[in-house]
Amino acid sequence: MHRHTSLGTLPATDREETWQDVNLQTPEGTVVKTVYKGKEPQSRVNITFNGSYEASRKASHQMESLEMLLDIILFEELREERGGVYGAGVNTSPQRRPRETYRFSISFGCDLNAWKS
């Protein structure tokens, strides 16, 4: 029989915790990487945009709206019209710390042969 202990039972320390900026930088310009793995003619496409972001309720709403709109468009265009797409997703990630930035990602898997034309 396994005995489980929750994290709430860890002893308290008298130190103050805080976050630290590790100065992670995203590359500028366009970066294209192709990785070949496996034997099946499948592909995974990831497209990411990033940049400065001024946090506000309006900007957050605009990003969420764009995410929902692109989700619909990608489903209709890639899945219904193009075919060979296994599923598409859109994700927005506004960040406040250590700098106000955003990351906007589009990702989908597809049949590699359906996209060679």
PDB file of N, CA and C in Angstrom:
ATOM      1  N   MET A   1       0.841  -1.177   0.000  1.00  0.00           N
ATOM      2  CA  MET A   1       0.000   0.000   0.000  1.00  0.00           C
ATOM      3  C   MET A   1       0.888   1.241   0.000  1.00  0.00           C
ATOM      4  N   HIS A   2       0.567   2.192  -0.900  1.00  0.00           N
ATOM      5  CA  HIS A   2       1.315   3.444  -0.983  1.00  0.00           C
ATOM      6  C   HIS A   2       0.699   4.489  -0.074  1.00  0.00           C
ATOM      7  N   ARG A   3       1.550   5.229   0.577  1.00  0.00           N
ATOM      8  CA  ARG A   3       1.078   6.317   1.430  1.00  0.00           C
ATOM      9  C   ARG A   3       1.395   7.637   0.734  1.00  0.00           C
ATOM     10  N   HIS A   4       0.390   8.494   0.585  1.00  0.00           N
ATOM     11  CA  HIS A   4       0.564   9.782  -0.089  1.00  0.00           C
ATOM     12  C   HIS A   4       0.570  10.900   0.940  1.00  0.00           C
ATOM     13  N   THR A   5       1.460  11.835   0.750  1.00  0.00           N
ATOM     14  CA  THR A   5       1.548  13.003   1.620  1.00  0.00           C
ATOM     15  C   THR A   5       1.372  14.240   0.761  1.00  0.00           C
ATOM     16  N   SER A   6       0.546  15.161   1.194  1.00  0.00           N
ATOM     17  CA  SER A   6       0.326  16.371   0.400  1.00  0.00           C
ATOM     18  C   SER A   6       1.450  17.366   0.627  1.00  0.00           C
ATOM     19  N   LEU A   7       1.607  18.281  -0.330  1.00  0.00           N
ATOM     20  CA  LEU A   7       2.639  19.308  -0.207  1.00  0.00           C
ATOM     21  C   LEU A   7       2.360  20.248   0.962  1.00  0.00           C
ATOM     22  N   GLY A   8       1.122  20.325   1.381  1.00  0.00           N
ATOM     23  CA  GLY A   8       0.758  21.213   2.477  1.00  0.00           C
ATOM     24  C   GLY A   8       1.412  20.836   3.793  1.00  0.00           C
ATOM     25  N   THR A   9       1.990  19.654   3.866  1.00  0.00           N
ATOM     26  CA  THR A   9       2.620  19.227   5.113  1.00  0.00           C
ATOM     27  C   THR A   9       4.122  19.509   5.144  1.00  0.00           C
ATOM     28  N   LEU A  10       4.643  20.133   4.101  1.00  0.00           N
ATOM     29  CA  LEU A  10       6.062  20.476   4.118  1.00  0.00           C
ATOM     30  C   LEU A  10       6.318  21.554   5.161  1.00  0.00           C
ATOM     31  N   PRO A  11       7.471  21.496   5.794  1.00  0.00           N
ATOM     32  CA  PRO A  11       7.753  22.502   6.823  1.00  0.00           C
ATOM     33  C   PRO A  11       7.936  23.893   6.212  1.00  0.00           C
ATOM     34  N   ALA A  12       7.493  24.900   6.902  1.00  0.00           N
ATOM     35  CA  ALA A  12       7.631  26.283   6.443  1.00  0.00           C
ATOM     36  C   ALA A  12       9.067  26.749   6.632  1.00  0.00           C
ATOM     37  N   THR A  13       9.516  27.586   5.722  1.00  0.00           N
ATOM     38  CA  THR A  13      10.835  28.216   5.873  1.00  0.00           C
ATOM     39  C   THR A  13      10.594  29.702   6.069  1.00  0.00           C
ATOM     40  N   ASP A  14      11.545  30.367   6.630  1.00  0.00           N
ATOM     41  CA  ASP A  14      11.396  31.799   6.880  1.00  0.00           C
ATOM     42  C   ASP A  14      12.066  32.636   5.801  1.00  0.00           C
ATOM     43  N   ARG A  15      12.166  32.096   4.596  1.00  0.00           N
ATOM     44  CA  ARG A  15      12.780  32.871   3.512  1.00  0.00           C
ATOM     45  C   ARG A  15      11.690  33.460   2.632  1.00  0.00           C
ATOM     46  N   GLU A  16      12.033  34.551   1.980  1.00  0.00           N
ATOM     47  CA  GLU A  16      11.101  35.221   1.088  1.00  0.00           C
ATOM     48  C   GLU A  16      11.387  34.777  -0.342  1.00  0.00           C
ATOM     49  N   GLU A  17      10.360  34.308  -1.048  1.00  0.00           N
ATOM     50  CA  GLU A  17      10.498  33.834  -2.425  1.00  0.00           C
ATOM     51  C   GLU A  17      10.116  34.949  -3.391  1.00  0.00           C
ATOM     52  N   THR A  18      10.778  34.982  -4.543  1.00  0.00           N
ATOM     53  CA  THR A  18      10.451  35.940  -5.580  1.00  0.00           C
ATOM     54  C   THR A  18      10.863  35.359  -6.927  1.00  0.00           C
ATOM     55  N   TRP A  19      10.368  35.924  -8.011  1.00  0.00           N
ATOM     56  CA  TRP A  19      10.753  35.474  -9.336  1.00  0.00           C
ATOM     57  C   TRP A  19      12.054  36.143  -9.745  1.00  0.00           C
ATOM     58  N   GLN A  20      12.703  35.582 -10.748  1.00  0.00           N
ATOM     59  CA  GLN A  20      13.968  36.123 -11.218  1.00  0.00           C
ATOM     60  C   GLN A  20      13.937  36.198 -12.736  1.00  0.00           C
ATOM     61  N   ASP A  21      14.361  37.312 -13.294  1.00  0.00           N
ATOM     62  CA  ASP A  21      14.460  37.479 -14.736  1.00  0.00           C
ATOM     63  C   ASP A  21      15.726  36.759 -15.213  1.00  0.00           C
ATOM     64  N   VAL A  22      15.556  35.689 -15.999  1.00  0.00           N
ATOM     65  CA  VAL A  22      16.704  34.943 -16.515  1.00  0.00           C
ATOM     66  C   VAL A  22      17.109  35.444 -17.907  1.00  0.00           C
ATOM     67  N   ASN A  23      16.495  36.570 -18.325  1.00  0.00           N
ATOM     68  CA  ASN A  23      16.812  37.251 -19.578  1.00  0.00           C
ATOM     69  C   ASN A  23      16.660  36.340 -20.798  1.00  0.00           C
ATOM     70  N   LEU A  24      15.582  35.569 -20.824  1.00  0.00           N
ATOM     71  CA  LEU A  24      15.281  34.721 -21.963  1.00  0.00           C
ATOM     72  C   LEU A  24      14.830  35.600 -23.123  1.00  0.00           C
ATOM     73  N   GLN A  25      15.491  35.499 -24.249  1.00  0.00           N
ATOM     74  CA  GLN A  25      15.188  36.320 -25.414  1.00  0.00           C
ATOM     75  C   GLN A  25      14.663  35.443 -26.543  1.00  0.00           C
ATOM     76  N   THR A  26      13.614  35.911 -27.218  1.00  0.00           N
ATOM     77  CA  THR A  26      13.133  35.204 -28.397  1.00  0.00           C
ATOM     78  C   THR A  26      13.922  35.689 -29.605  1.00  0.00           C
ATOM     79  N   PRO A  27      14.159  34.815 -30.566  1.00  0.00           N
ATOM     80  CA  PRO A  27      14.938  35.240 -31.739  1.00  0.00           C
ATOM     81  C   PRO A  27      14.172  36.247 -32.578  1.00  0.00           C
ATOM     82  N   GLU A  28      14.900  37.145 -33.219  1.00  0.00           N
ATOM     83  CA  GLU A  28      14.272  38.123 -34.101  1.00  0.00           C
ATOM     84  C   GLU A  28      14.241  37.564 -35.517  1.00  0.00           C
ATOM     85  N   GLY A  29      13.296  38.059 -36.298  1.00  0.00           N
ATOM     86  CA  GLY A  29      13.190  37.621 -37.682  1.00  0.00           C
ATOM     87  C   GLY A  29      12.507  36.275 -37.791  1.00  0.00           C
ATOM     88  N   THR A  30      12.696  35.630 -38.914  1.00  0.00           N
ATOM     89  CA  THR A  30      12.072  34.345 -39.187  1.00  0.00           C
ATOM     90  C   THR A  30      13.056  33.222 -38.924  1.00  0.00           C
ATOM     91  N   VAL A  31      12.604  32.220 -38.190  1.00  0.00           N
ATOM     92  CA  VAL A  31      13.408  31.034 -37.924  1.00  0.00           C
ATOM     93  C   VAL A  31      12.631  29.836 -38.455  1.00  0.00           C
ATOM     94  N   VAL A  32      13.238  29.094 -39.358  1.00  0.00           N
ATOM     95  CA  VAL A  32      12.597  27.907 -39.916  1.00  0.00           C
ATOM     96  C   VAL A  32      13.470  26.713 -39.562  1.00  0.00           C
ATOM     97  N   LYS A  33      12.859  25.714 -38.942  1.00  0.00           N
ATOM     98  CA  LYS A  33      13.581  24.486 -38.604  1.00  0.00           C
ATOM     99  C   LYS A  33      12.769  23.316 -39.106  1.00  0.00           C
ATOM    100  N   THR A  34      13.409  22.415 -39.792  1.00  0.00           N
ATOM    101  CA  THR A  34      12.762  21.207 -40.272  1.00  0.00           C
ATOM    102  C   THR A  34      13.430  20.022 -39.608  1.00  0.00           C
ATOM    103  N   VAL A  35      12.630  19.169 -38.975  1.00  0.00           N
ATOM    104  CA  VAL A  35      13.140  17.985 -38.304  1.00  0.00           C
ATOM    105  C   VAL A  35      12.454  16.775 -38.922  1.00  0.00           C
ATOM    106  N   TYR A  36      13.232  15.819 -39.381  1.00  0.00           N
ATOM    107  CA  TYR A  36      12.675  14.604 -39.957  1.00  0.00           C
ATOM    108  C   TYR A  36      12.792  13.479 -38.937  1.00  0.00           C
ATOM    109  N   LYS A  37      11.647  12.858 -38.629  1.00  0.00           N
ATOM    110  CA  LYS A  37      11.625  11.775 -37.663  1.00  0.00           C
ATOM    111  C   LYS A  37      10.470  10.855 -38.020  1.00  0.00           C
ATOM    112  N   GLY A  38      10.658   9.576 -37.948  1.00  0.00           N
ATOM    113  CA  GLY A  38       9.588   8.632 -38.210  1.00  0.00           C
ATOM    114  C   GLY A  38       9.524   8.221 -39.664  1.00  0.00           C
ATOM    115  N   LYS A  39       8.592   7.301 -39.952  1.00  0.00           N
ATOM    116  CA  LYS A  39       8.491   6.736 -41.290  1.00  0.00           C
ATOM    117  C   LYS A  39       7.228   7.150 -42.026  1.00  0.00           C
ATOM    118  N   GLU A  40       6.235   7.645 -41.310  1.00  0.00           N
ATOM    119  CA  GLU A  40       4.962   8.023 -41.921  1.00  0.00           C
ATOM    120  C   GLU A  40       5.044   9.414 -42.534  1.00  0.00           C
ATOM    121  N   PRO A  41       4.302   9.667 -43.630  1.00  0.00           N
ATOM    122  CA  PRO A  41       4.311  10.995 -44.267  1.00  0.00           C
ATOM    123  C   PRO A  41       3.412  11.981 -43.513  1.00  0.00           C
ATOM    124  N   GLN A  42       3.781  12.279 -42.281  1.00  0.00           N
ATOM    125  CA  GLN A  42       3.036  13.220 -41.456  1.00  0.00           C
ATOM    126  C   GLN A  42       3.925  14.405 -41.115  1.00  0.00           C
ATOM    127  N   SER A  43       3.279  15.509 -40.874  1.00  0.00           N
ATOM    128  CA  SER A  43       4.021  16.712 -40.546  1.00  0.00           C
ATOM    129  C   SER A  43       3.327  17.435 -39.396  1.00  0.00           C
ATOM    130  N   ARG A  44       4.084  18.151 -38.603  1.00  0.00           N
ATOM    131  CA  ARG A  44       3.552  19.004 -37.544  1.00  0.00           C
ATOM    132  C   ARG A  44       4.048  20.411 -37.844  1.00  0.00           C
ATOM    133  N   VAL A  45       3.117  21.338 -37.995  1.00  0.00           N
ATOM    134  CA  VAL A  45       3.455  22.721 -38.327  1.00  0.00           C
ATOM    135  C   VAL A  45       3.198  23.583 -37.096  1.00  0.00           C
ATOM    136  N   ASN A  46       4.186  24.350 -36.706  1.00  0.00           N
ATOM    137  CA  ASN A  46       4.056  25.306 -35.601  1.00  0.00           C
ATOM    138  C   ASN A  46       4.511  26.669 -36.097  1.00  0.00           C
ATOM    139  N   ILE A  47       3.637  27.648 -35.977  1.00  0.00           N
ATOM    140  CA  ILE A  47       3.952  29.017 -36.381  1.00  0.00           C
ATOM    141  C   ILE A  47       3.766  29.887 -35.140  1.00  0.00           C
ATOM    142  N   THR A  48       4.795  30.626 -34.769  1.00  0.00           N
ATOM    143  CA  THR A  48       4.732  31.441 -33.555  1.00  0.00           C
ATOM    144  C   THR A  48       5.140  32.875 -33.877  1.00  0.00           C
ATOM    145  N   PHE A  49       4.330  33.802 -33.400  1.00  0.00           N
ATOM    146  CA  PHE A  49       4.632  35.233 -33.496  1.00  0.00           C
ATOM    147  C   PHE A  49       4.837  35.737 -32.081  1.00  0.00           C
ATOM    148  N   ASN A  50       5.748  36.677 -31.898  1.00  0.00           N
ATOM    149  CA  ASN A  50       5.929  37.270 -30.576  1.00  0.00           C
ATOM    150  C   ASN A  50       6.380  38.709 -30.709  1.00  0.00           C
ATOM    151  N   GLY A  51       6.178  39.464 -29.636  1.00  0.00           N
ATOM    152  CA  GLY A  51       6.585  40.865 -29.654  1.00  0.00           C
ATOM    153  C   GLY A  51       6.208  41.569 -28.375  1.00  0.00           C
ATOM    154  N   SER A  52       6.351  42.870 -28.364  1.00  0.00           N
ATOM    155  CA  SER A  52       6.015  43.693 -27.204  1.00  0.00           C
ATOM    156  C   SER A  52       4.509  43.708 -27.013  1.00  0.00           C
ATOM    157  N   TYR A  53       4.117  43.921 -25.788  1.00  0.00           N
ATOM    158  CA  TYR A  53       2.699  43.884 -25.449  1.00  0.00           C
ATOM    159  C   TYR A  53       2.448  44.865 -24.319  1.00  0.00           C
ATOM    160  N   GLU A  54       1.521  45.756 -24.522  1.00  0.00           N
ATOM    161  CA  GLU A  54       1.138  46.687 -23.456  1.00  0.00           C
ATOM    162  C   GLU A  54      -0.131  46.138 -22.808  1.00  0.00           C
ATOM    163  N   ALA A  55       0.025  45.592 -21.622  1.00  0.00           N
ATOM    164  CA  ALA A  55      -1.082  44.911 -20.946  1.00  0.00           C
ATOM    165  C   ALA A  55      -2.220  45.880 -20.633  1.00  0.00           C
ATOM    166  N   SER A  56      -3.411  45.497 -21.076  1.00  0.00           N
ATOM    167  CA  SER A  56      -4.625  46.245 -20.776  1.00  0.00           C
ATOM    168  C   SER A  56      -5.801  45.308 -21.008  1.00  0.00           C
ATOM    169  N   ARG A  57      -6.941  45.682 -20.491  1.00  0.00           N
ATOM    170  CA  ARG A  57      -8.139  44.882 -20.691  1.00  0.00           C
ATOM    171  C   ARG A  57      -8.500  44.822 -22.175  1.00  0.00           C
ATOM    172  N   LYS A  58      -8.372  45.964 -22.857  1.00  0.00           N
ATOM    173  CA  LYS A  58      -8.705  46.040 -24.276  1.00  0.00           C
ATOM    174  C   LYS A  58      -7.772  45.146 -25.104  1.00  0.00           C
ATOM    175  N   ALA A  59      -6.466  45.232 -24.845  1.00  0.00           N
ATOM    176  CA  ALA A  59      -5.498  44.422 -25.588  1.00  0.00           C
ATOM    177  C   ALA A  59      -5.726  42.939 -25.340  1.00  0.00           C
ATOM    178  N   SER A  60      -6.025  42.575 -24.114  1.00  0.00           N
ATOM    179  CA  SER A  60      -6.302  41.182 -23.775  1.00  0.00           C
ATOM    180  C   SER A  60      -7.541  40.688 -24.518  1.00  0.00           C
ATOM    181  N   HIS A  61      -8.581  41.500 -24.554  1.00  0.00           N
ATOM    182  CA  HIS A  61      -9.817  41.144 -25.271  1.00  0.00           C
ATOM    183  C   HIS A  61      -9.546  40.990 -26.766  1.00  0.00           C
ATOM    184  N   GLN A  62      -8.738  41.882 -27.333  1.00  0.00           N
ATOM    185  CA  GLN A  62      -8.424  41.811 -28.755  1.00  0.00           C
ATOM    186  C   GLN A  62      -7.661  40.520 -29.084  1.00  0.00           C
ATOM    187  N   MET A  63      -6.718  40.161 -28.226  1.00  0.00           N
ATOM    188  CA  MET A  63      -5.957  38.932 -28.462  1.00  0.00           C
ATOM    189  C   MET A  63      -6.849  37.701 -28.354  1.00  0.00           C
ATOM    190  N   GLU A  64      -7.728  37.665 -27.366  1.00  0.00           N
ATOM    191  CA  GLU A  64      -8.647  36.542 -27.208  1.00  0.00           C
ATOM    192  C   GLU A  64      -9.602  36.447 -28.401  1.00  0.00           C
ATOM    193  N   SER A  65     -10.077  37.599 -28.876  1.00  0.00           N
ATOM    194  CA  SER A  65     -10.973  37.613 -30.035  1.00  0.00           C
ATOM    195  C   SER A  65     -10.264  37.103 -31.278  1.00  0.00           C
ATOM    196  N   LEU A  66      -9.026  37.539 -31.493  1.00  0.00           N
ATOM    197  CA  LEU A  66      -8.248  37.075 -32.635  1.00  0.00           C
ATOM    198  C   LEU A  66      -8.010  35.570 -32.547  1.00  0.00           C
ATOM    199  N   GLU A  67      -7.742  35.080 -31.344  1.00  0.00           N
ATOM    200  CA  GLU A  67      -7.544  33.642 -31.144  1.00  0.00           C
ATOM    201  C   GLU A  67      -8.794  32.861 -31.553  1.00  0.00           C
ATOM    202  N   MET A  68      -9.968  33.302 -31.108  1.00  0.00           N
ATOM    203  CA  MET A  68     -11.219  32.605 -31.440  1.00  0.00           C
ATOM    204  C   MET A  68     -11.511  32.678 -32.938  1.00  0.00           C
ATOM    205  N   LEU A  69     -11.288  33.842 -33.548  1.00  0.00           N
ATOM    206  CA  LEU A  69     -11.537  34.016 -34.969  1.00  0.00           C
ATOM    207  C   LEU A  69     -10.620  33.112 -35.803  1.00  0.00           C
ATOM    208  N   LEU A  70      -9.334  33.109 -35.465  1.00  0.00           N
ATOM    209  CA  LEU A  70      -8.400  32.258 -36.212  1.00  0.00           C
ATOM    210  C   LEU A  70      -8.703  30.781 -36.025  1.00  0.00           C
ATOM    211  N   ASP A  71      -9.175  30.397 -34.860  1.00  0.00           N
ATOM    212  CA  ASP A  71      -9.579  29.010 -34.623  1.00  0.00           C
ATOM    213  C   ASP A  71     -10.658  28.591 -35.620  1.00  0.00           C
ATOM    214  N   ILE A  72     -11.642  29.460 -35.816  1.00  0.00           N
ATOM    215  CA  ILE A  72     -12.742  29.183 -36.752  1.00  0.00           C
ATOM    216  C   ILE A  72     -12.223  29.134 -38.186  1.00  0.00           C
ATOM    217  N   ILE A  73     -11.425  30.129 -38.568  1.00  0.00           N
ATOM    218  CA  ILE A  73     -10.909  30.204 -39.938  1.00  0.00           C
ATOM    219  C   ILE A  73     -10.017  29.009 -40.239  1.00  0.00           C
ATOM    220  N   LEU A  74      -9.143  28.645 -39.305  1.00  0.00           N
ATOM    221  CA  LEU A  74      -8.266  27.508 -39.538  1.00  0.00           C
ATOM    222  C   LEU A  74      -9.052  26.216 -39.690  1.00  0.00           C
ATOM    223  N   PHE A  75     -10.067  26.055 -38.856  1.00  0.00           N
ATOM    224  CA  PHE A  75     -10.882  24.845 -38.965  1.00  0.00           C
ATOM    225  C   PHE A  75     -11.543  24.774 -40.341  1.00  0.00           C
ATOM    226  N   GLU A  76     -12.146  25.882 -40.752  1.00  0.00           N
ATOM    227  CA  GLU A  76     -12.843  25.896 -42.038  1.00  0.00           C
ATOM    228  C   GLU A  76     -11.887  25.719 -43.205  1.00  0.00           C
ATOM    229  N   GLU A  77     -10.797  26.459 -43.214  1.00  0.00           N
ATOM    230  CA  GLU A  77      -9.880  26.435 -44.348  1.00  0.00           C
ATOM    231  C   GLU A  77      -9.031  25.164 -44.386  1.00  0.00           C
ATOM    232  N   LEU A  78      -8.413  24.840 -43.277  1.00  0.00           N
ATOM    233  CA  LEU A  78      -7.496  23.702 -43.286  1.00  0.00           C
ATOM    234  C   LEU A  78      -8.220  22.360 -43.270  1.00  0.00           C
ATOM    235  N   ARG A  79      -9.167  22.216 -42.402  1.00  0.00           N
ATOM    236  CA  ARG A  79      -9.845  20.933 -42.242  1.00  0.00           C
ATOM    237  C   ARG A  79     -10.880  20.691 -43.345  1.00  0.00           C
ATOM    238  N   GLU A  80     -11.699  21.694 -43.605  1.00  0.00           N
ATOM    239  CA  GLU A  80     -12.805  21.503 -44.540  1.00  0.00           C
ATOM    240  C   GLU A  80     -12.362  21.651 -45.997  1.00  0.00           C
ATOM    241  N   GLU A  81     -11.536  22.651 -46.302  1.00  0.00           N
ATOM    242  CA  GLU A  81     -11.172  22.945 -47.687  1.00  0.00           C
ATOM    243  C   GLU A  81      -9.928  22.183 -48.151  1.00  0.00           C
ATOM    244  N   ARG A  82      -8.873  22.216 -47.352  1.00  0.00           N
ATOM    245  CA  ARG A  82      -7.603  21.624 -47.759  1.00  0.00           C
ATOM    246  C   ARG A  82      -7.580  20.121 -47.567  1.00  0.00           C
ATOM    247  N   GLY A  83      -8.152  19.641 -46.473  1.00  0.00           N
ATOM    248  CA  GLY A  83      -8.108  18.216 -46.162  1.00  0.00           C
ATOM    249  C   GLY A  83      -6.727  17.803 -45.699  1.00  0.00           C
ATOM    250  N   GLY A  84      -6.634  16.624 -45.138  1.00  0.00           N
ATOM    251  CA  GLY A  84      -5.346  16.115 -44.689  1.00  0.00           C
ATOM    252  C   GLY A  84      -4.833  16.765 -43.423  1.00  0.00           C
ATOM    253  N   VAL A  85      -5.646  17.571 -42.757  1.00  0.00           N
ATOM    254  CA  VAL A  85      -5.234  18.217 -41.515  1.00  0.00           C
ATOM    255  C   VAL A  85      -5.906  17.491 -40.367  1.00  0.00           C
ATOM    256  N   TYR A  86      -5.122  17.134 -39.363  1.00  0.00           N
ATOM    257  CA  TYR A  86      -5.631  16.323 -38.256  1.00  0.00           C
ATOM    258  C   TYR A  86      -6.230  17.148 -37.133  1.00  0.00           C
ATOM    259  N   GLY A  87      -5.950  18.382 -37.070  1.00  0.00           N
ATOM    260  CA  GLY A  87      -6.476  19.243 -36.010  1.00  0.00           C
ATOM    261  C   GLY A  87      -5.622  20.488 -35.927  1.00  0.00           C
ATOM    262  N   ALA A  88      -6.256  21.627 -35.758  1.00  0.00           N
ATOM    263  CA  ALA A  88      -5.522  22.891 -35.694  1.00  0.00           C
ATOM    264  C   ALA A  88      -5.854  23.593 -34.393  1.00  0.00           C
ATOM    265  N   GLY A  89      -4.901  24.317 -33.865  1.00  0.00           N
ATOM    266  CA  GLY A  89      -5.129  25.048 -32.638  1.00  0.00           C
ATOM    267  C   GLY A  89      -4.429  26.393 -32.658  1.00  0.00           C
ATOM    268  N   VAL A  90      -5.005  27.345 -31.946  1.00  0.00           N
ATOM    269  CA  VAL A  90      -4.448  28.682 -31.826  1.00  0.00           C
ATOM    270  C   VAL A  90      -4.340  28.981 -30.341  1.00  0.00           C
ATOM    271  N   ASN A  91      -3.240  29.597 -29.935  1.00  0.00           N
ATOM    272  CA  ASN A  91      -3.037  29.898 -28.527  1.00  0.00           C
ATOM    273  C   ASN A  91      -2.361  31.257 -28.381  1.00  0.00           C
ATOM    274  N   THR A  92      -2.935  32.112 -27.556  1.00  0.00           N
ATOM    275  CA  THR A  92      -2.301  33.392 -27.252  1.00  0.00           C
ATOM    276  C   THR A  92      -1.768  33.347 -25.831  1.00  0.00           C
ATOM    277  N   SER A  93      -0.630  33.982 -25.615  1.00  0.00           N
ATOM    278  CA  SER A  93      -0.013  33.999 -24.296  1.00  0.00           C
ATOM    279  C   SER A  93       0.550  35.383 -23.990  1.00  0.00           C
ATOM    280  N   PRO A  94      -0.273  36.287 -23.480  1.00  0.00           N
ATOM    281  CA  PRO A  94       0.289  37.568 -23.039  1.00  0.00           C
ATOM    282  C   PRO A  94       1.008  37.372 -21.710  1.00  0.00           C
ATOM    283  N   GLN A  95       2.161  38.019 -21.546  1.00  0.00           N
ATOM    284  CA  GLN A  95       2.937  37.895 -20.315  1.00  0.00           C
ATOM    285  C   GLN A  95       3.280  39.270 -19.776  1.00  0.00           C
ATOM    286  N   ARG A  96       3.237  39.400 -18.465  1.00  0.00           N
ATOM    287  CA  ARG A  96       3.566  40.679 -17.829  1.00  0.00           C
ATOM    288  C   ARG A  96       4.979  40.707 -17.271  1.00  0.00           C
ATOM    289  N   ARG A  97       5.492  39.554 -16.862  1.00  0.00           N
ATOM    290  CA  ARG A  97       6.827  39.498 -16.259  1.00  0.00           C
ATOM    291  C   ARG A  97       7.707  38.537 -17.012  1.00  0.00           C
ATOM    292  N   PRO A  98       8.953  38.777 -17.170  1.00  0.00           N
ATOM    293  CA  PRO A  98       9.696  39.934 -16.677  1.00  0.00           C
ATOM    294  C   PRO A  98       9.489  41.175 -17.545  1.00  0.00           C
ATOM    295  N   ARG A  99       8.983  40.986 -18.780  1.00  0.00           N
ATOM    296  CA  ARG A  99       8.655  42.106 -19.662  1.00  0.00           C
ATOM    297  C   ARG A  99       7.274  41.848 -20.229  1.00  0.00           C
ATOM    298  N   GLU A 100       6.572  42.899 -20.614  1.00  0.00           N
ATOM    299  CA  GLU A 100       5.264  42.735 -21.226  1.00  0.00           C
ATOM    300  C   GLU A 100       5.457  42.309 -22.681  1.00  0.00           C
ATOM    301  N   THR A 101       5.189  41.044 -22.941  1.00  0.00           N
ATOM    302  CA  THR A 101       5.335  40.480 -24.276  1.00  0.00           C
ATOM    303  C   THR A 101       4.139  39.579 -24.563  1.00  0.00           C
ATOM    304  N   TYR A 102       3.990  39.207 -25.822  1.00  0.00           N
ATOM    305  CA  TYR A 102       2.963  38.245 -26.190  1.00  0.00           C
ATOM    306  C   TYR A 102       3.593  37.138 -27.022  1.00  0.00           C
ATOM    307  N   ARG A 103       2.949  35.999 -27.013  1.00  0.00           N
ATOM    308  CA  ARG A 103       3.301  34.889 -27.896  1.00  0.00           C
ATOM    309  C   ARG A 103       1.989  34.408 -28.493  1.00  0.00           C
ATOM    310  N   PHE A 104       1.964  34.287 -29.795  1.00  0.00           N
ATOM    311  CA  PHE A 104       0.768  33.881 -30.519  1.00  0.00           C
ATOM    312  C   PHE A 104       1.165  32.671 -31.360  1.00  0.00           C
ATOM    313  N   SER A 105       0.564  31.518 -31.094  1.00  0.00           N
ATOM    314  CA  SER A 105       0.975  30.286 -31.760  1.00  0.00           C
ATOM    315  C   SER A 105      -0.169  29.652 -32.539  1.00  0.00           C
ATOM    316  N   ILE A 106       0.172  29.143 -33.715  1.00  0.00           N
ATOM    317  CA  ILE A 106      -0.747  28.373 -34.548  1.00  0.00           C
ATOM    318  C   ILE A 106      -0.075  27.027 -34.770  1.00  0.00           C
ATOM    319  N   SER A 107      -0.818  25.950 -34.554  1.00  0.00           N
ATOM    320  CA  SER A 107      -0.224  24.628 -34.639  1.00  0.00           C
ATOM    321  C   SER A 107      -1.214  23.649 -35.258  1.00  0.00           C
ATOM    322  N   PHE A 108      -0.714  22.787 -36.137  1.00  0.00           N
ATOM    323  CA  PHE A 108      -1.568  21.737 -36.686  1.00  0.00           C
ATOM    324  C   PHE A 108      -0.720  20.586 -37.222  1.00  0.00           C
ATOM    325  N   GLY A 109      -1.321  19.411 -37.214  1.00  0.00           N
ATOM    326  CA  GLY A 109      -0.707  18.235 -37.808  1.00  0.00           C
ATOM    327  C   GLY A 109      -1.372  17.978 -39.140  1.00  0.00           C
ATOM    328  N   CYS A 110      -0.625  17.425 -40.092  1.00  0.00           N
ATOM    329  CA  CYS A 110      -1.215  17.189 -41.403  1.00  0.00           C
ATOM    330  C   CYS A 110      -0.526  16.042 -42.130  1.00  0.00           C
ATOM    331  N   ASP A 111      -1.185  15.563 -43.178  1.00  0.00           N
ATOM    332  CA  ASP A 111      -0.640  14.558 -44.078  1.00  0.00           C
ATOM    333  C   ASP A 111       0.321  15.299 -45.002  1.00  0.00           C
ATOM    334  N   LEU A 112       1.557  14.963 -44.945  1.00  0.00           N
ATOM    335  CA  LEU A 112       2.589  15.660 -45.728  1.00  0.00           C
ATOM    336  C   LEU A 112       2.300  15.612 -47.229  1.00  0.00           C
ATOM    337  N   ASN A 113       1.768  14.521 -47.731  1.00  0.00           N
ATOM    338  CA  ASN A 113       1.488  14.393 -49.172  1.00  0.00           C
ATOM    339  C   ASN A 113       0.374  15.326 -49.632  1.00  0.00           C
ATOM    340  N   ALA A 114      -0.554  15.678 -48.750  1.00  0.00           N
ATOM    341  CA  ALA A 114      -1.659  16.570 -49.126  1.00  0.00           C
ATOM    342  C   ALA A 114      -1.188  17.994 -49.355  1.00  0.00           C
ATOM    343  N   TRP A 115       0.028  18.343 -48.928  1.00  0.00           N
ATOM    344  CA  TRP A 115       0.522  19.724 -49.009  1.00  0.00           C
ATOM    345  C   TRP A 115       1.631  19.894 -50.024  1.00  0.00           C
ATOM    346  N   LYS A 116       1.915  18.878 -50.836  1.00  0.00           N
ATOM    347  CA  LYS A 116       3.037  18.966 -51.783  1.00  0.00           C
ATOM    348  C   LYS A 116       2.687  19.660 -53.086  1.00  0.00           C
ATOM    349  N   SER A 117       1.421  19.984 -53.320  1.00  0.00           N
ATOM    350  CA  SER A 117       1.047  20.608 -54.609  1.00  0.00           C
ATOM    351  C   SER A 117       1.416  22.055 -54.668  1.00  0.00           C
TER     352      SER A 117
END
